[in-house]
Amino acid sequence: MTLNPTICRRLLVAYLIDAMERPNNPALEAATGWPRRTIQDIIAKGLPGHGTQVEFVQQGVRNNDGYYRMLDWGSIDRSWVQENLGQVAATLEVPLGKIQ
């Protein structure tokens, strides 16, 4: 099965936000190896296109102190992503060990 890399990026970020404890930009960047702007664009533009709702939980006084929380997966099937995480990671050339 061939997967679309653009969709896979969205699936992986959704998975990481749901699976990680207090996922913030630095944690998501470390897990994926992608730049900050790519992560932010996926969260702000890519995921809402699937009906996915992500909330930023503010902690501290600075605007970037906090973490993301998944409120609704929208049209993305969470169980499919979990079952096919290896293929998603391989499509994006992200080591599976970094995201599990």
C-alpha atoms as a PDB file:
ATOM      1  CA  MET A   1       0.000   0.000   0.000  1.00  0.00           C
ATOM      2  CA  THR A   2       1.326   3.429  -0.954  1.00  0.00           C
ATOM      3  CA  LEU A   3       0.481   6.255   1.416  1.00  0.00           C
ATOM      4  CA  ASN A   4       0.391   9.977   0.667  1.00  0.00           C
ATOM      5  CA  PRO A   5       3.188  11.745   2.603  1.00  0.00           C
ATOM      6  CA  THR A   6       1.104  14.893   3.179  1.00  0.00           C
ATOM      7  CA  ILE A   7      -1.668  12.881   4.814  1.00  0.00           C
ATOM      8  CA  CYS A   8       0.886  10.798   6.718  1.00  0.00           C
ATOM      9  CA  ARG A   9       2.378  13.950   8.268  1.00  0.00           C
ATOM     10  CA  ARG A  10      -1.069  14.881   9.576  1.00  0.00           C
ATOM     11  CA  LEU A  11      -1.708  11.365  10.857  1.00  0.00           C
ATOM     12  CA  LEU A  12       1.633  11.252  12.648  1.00  0.00           C
ATOM     13  CA  VAL A  13       1.207  14.633  14.330  1.00  0.00           C
ATOM     14  CA  ALA A  14      -2.311  13.673  15.459  1.00  0.00           C
ATOM     15  CA  TYR A  15      -0.966  10.391  16.835  1.00  0.00           C
ATOM     16  CA  LEU A  16       1.892  12.107  18.675  1.00  0.00           C
ATOM     17  CA  ILE A  17      -0.356  14.762  20.203  1.00  0.00           C
ATOM     18  CA  ASP A  18      -2.628  12.008  21.477  1.00  0.00           C
ATOM     19  CA  ALA A  19       0.111   9.618  22.606  1.00  0.00           C
ATOM     20  CA  MET A  20       2.751  11.885  24.139  1.00  0.00           C
ATOM     21  CA  GLU A  21       2.610  13.323  27.612  1.00  0.00           C
ATOM     22  CA  ARG A  22       2.427  17.118  27.277  1.00  0.00           C
ATOM     23  CA  PRO A  23       3.353  17.342  23.584  1.00  0.00           C
ATOM     24  CA  ASN A  24       4.710  20.779  22.740  1.00  0.00           C
ATOM     25  CA  ASN A  25       6.554  22.065  19.686  1.00  0.00           C
ATOM     26  CA  PRO A  26      10.049  21.054  20.867  1.00  0.00           C
ATOM     27  CA  ALA A  27       8.845  17.534  21.733  1.00  0.00           C
ATOM     28  CA  LEU A  28       7.091  17.139  18.380  1.00  0.00           C
ATOM     29  CA  GLU A  29      10.145  18.485  16.548  1.00  0.00           C
ATOM     30  CA  ALA A  30      12.400  16.009  18.374  1.00  0.00           C
ATOM     31  CA  ALA A  31      10.114  13.067  17.605  1.00  0.00           C
ATOM     32  CA  THR A  32       9.723  13.854  13.906  1.00  0.00           C
ATOM     33  CA  GLY A  33      12.899  15.723  13.019  1.00  0.00           C
ATOM     34  CA  TRP A  34      10.778  18.354  11.275  1.00  0.00           C
ATOM     35  CA  PRO A  35      11.098  22.136  11.645  1.00  0.00           C
ATOM     36  CA  ARG A  36       8.901  24.079  14.063  1.00  0.00           C
ATOM     37  CA  ARG A  37       6.998  25.796  11.257  1.00  0.00           C
ATOM     38  CA  THR A  38       6.050  22.470   9.654  1.00  0.00           C
ATOM     39  CA  ILE A  39       4.611  21.227  12.949  1.00  0.00           C
ATOM     40  CA  GLN A  40       2.725  24.484  13.503  1.00  0.00           C
ATOM     41  CA  ASP A  41       1.293  24.466   9.962  1.00  0.00           C
ATOM     42  CA  ILE A  42       0.051  20.901  10.330  1.00  0.00           C
ATOM     43  CA  ILE A  43      -1.666  21.713  13.623  1.00  0.00           C
ATOM     44  CA  ALA A  44      -3.110  25.038  12.456  1.00  0.00           C
ATOM     45  CA  LYS A  45      -4.062  24.154   8.866  1.00  0.00           C
ATOM     46  CA  GLY A  46      -3.706  20.451   8.097  1.00  0.00           C
ATOM     47  CA  LEU A  47      -5.546  18.841  10.982  1.00  0.00           C
ATOM     48  CA  PRO A  48      -8.596  21.163  11.002  1.00  0.00           C
ATOM     49  CA  GLY A  49      -9.209  20.151   7.374  1.00  0.00           C
ATOM     50  CA  HIS A  50     -10.077  16.687   8.706  1.00  0.00           C
ATOM     51  CA  GLY A  51     -12.370  18.003  11.426  1.00  0.00           C
ATOM     52  CA  THR A  52      -9.678  17.316  13.994  1.00  0.00           C
ATOM     53  CA  GLN A  53      -9.709  19.598  17.030  1.00  0.00           C
ATOM     54  CA  VAL A  54      -6.490  20.333  18.880  1.00  0.00           C
ATOM     55  CA  GLU A  55      -6.313  22.635  21.881  1.00  0.00           C
ATOM     56  CA  PHE A  56      -3.240  24.421  23.216  1.00  0.00           C
ATOM     57  CA  VAL A  57      -3.179  24.247  27.017  1.00  0.00           C
ATOM     58  CA  GLN A  58      -1.399  27.364  28.262  1.00  0.00           C
ATOM     59  CA  GLN A  59       0.964  26.921  31.208  1.00  0.00           C
ATOM     60  CA  GLY A  60       3.189  29.676  32.454  1.00  0.00           C
ATOM     61  CA  VAL A  61       3.395  33.271  31.366  1.00  0.00           C
ATOM     62  CA  ARG A  62       5.021  32.981  27.948  1.00  0.00           C
ATOM     63  CA  ASN A  63       2.816  32.324  24.923  1.00  0.00           C
ATOM     64  CA  ASN A  64       4.644  29.106  24.061  1.00  0.00           C
ATOM     65  CA  ASP A  65       4.585  27.632  27.585  1.00  0.00           C
ATOM     66  CA  GLY A  66       2.188  24.729  27.404  1.00  0.00           C
ATOM     67  CA  TYR A  67       1.243  21.696  25.374  1.00  0.00           C
ATOM     68  CA  TYR A  68      -1.254  20.424  22.815  1.00  0.00           C
ATOM     69  CA  ARG A  69      -4.224  18.208  23.631  1.00  0.00           C
ATOM     70  CA  MET A  70      -6.333  16.266  21.159  1.00  0.00           C
ATOM     71  CA  LEU A  71     -10.030  17.027  21.622  1.00  0.00           C
ATOM     72  CA  ASP A  72     -11.510  15.277  18.576  1.00  0.00           C
ATOM     73  CA  TRP A  73      -9.938  13.097  15.874  1.00  0.00           C
ATOM     74  CA  GLY A  74     -12.551  14.244  13.346  1.00  0.00           C
ATOM     75  CA  SER A  75     -12.505  12.097  10.201  1.00  0.00           C
ATOM     76  CA  ILE A  76      -9.192  10.461  11.131  1.00  0.00           C
ATOM     77  CA  ASP A  77      -9.568   6.869  12.362  1.00  0.00           C
ATOM     78  CA  ARG A  78      -7.392   6.704  15.467  1.00  0.00           C
ATOM     79  CA  SER A  79      -7.261   2.904  15.525  1.00  0.00           C
ATOM     80  CA  TRP A  80      -6.167   2.772  11.858  1.00  0.00           C
ATOM     81  CA  VAL A  81      -3.303   5.164  12.620  1.00  0.00           C
ATOM     82  CA  GLN A  82      -2.221   3.074  15.610  1.00  0.00           C
ATOM     83  CA  GLU A  83      -2.383  -0.174  13.622  1.00  0.00           C
ATOM     84  CA  ASN A  84      -0.502   1.283  10.636  1.00  0.00           C
ATOM     85  CA  LEU A  85       1.973   3.482  12.498  1.00  0.00           C
ATOM     86  CA  GLY A  86       4.930   1.561  11.097  1.00  0.00           C
ATOM     87  CA  GLN A  87       3.861   2.211   7.511  1.00  0.00           C
ATOM     88  CA  VAL A  88       3.124   5.883   8.265  1.00  0.00           C
ATOM     89  CA  ALA A  89       6.573   6.288   9.819  1.00  0.00           C
ATOM     90  CA  ALA A  90       8.262   4.456   6.929  1.00  0.00           C
ATOM     91  CA  THR A  91       6.513   6.671   4.377  1.00  0.00           C
ATOM     92  CA  LEU A  92       7.893   9.729   6.178  1.00  0.00           C
ATOM     93  CA  GLU A  93      11.299   8.151   6.878  1.00  0.00           C
ATOM     94  CA  VAL A  94      10.834   8.791  10.605  1.00  0.00           C
ATOM     95  CA  PRO A  95      12.364   6.081  12.808  1.00  0.00           C
ATOM     96  CA  LEU A  96       9.568   4.196  14.550  1.00  0.00           C
ATOM     97  CA  GLY A  97      11.611   4.072  17.752  1.00  0.00           C
ATOM     98  CA  LYS A  98      11.477   7.872  18.040  1.00  0.00           C
ATOM     99  CA  ILE A  99       7.682   8.021  17.974  1.00  0.00           C
ATOM    100  CA  GLN A 100       6.627   5.098  20.130  1.00  0.00           C
END
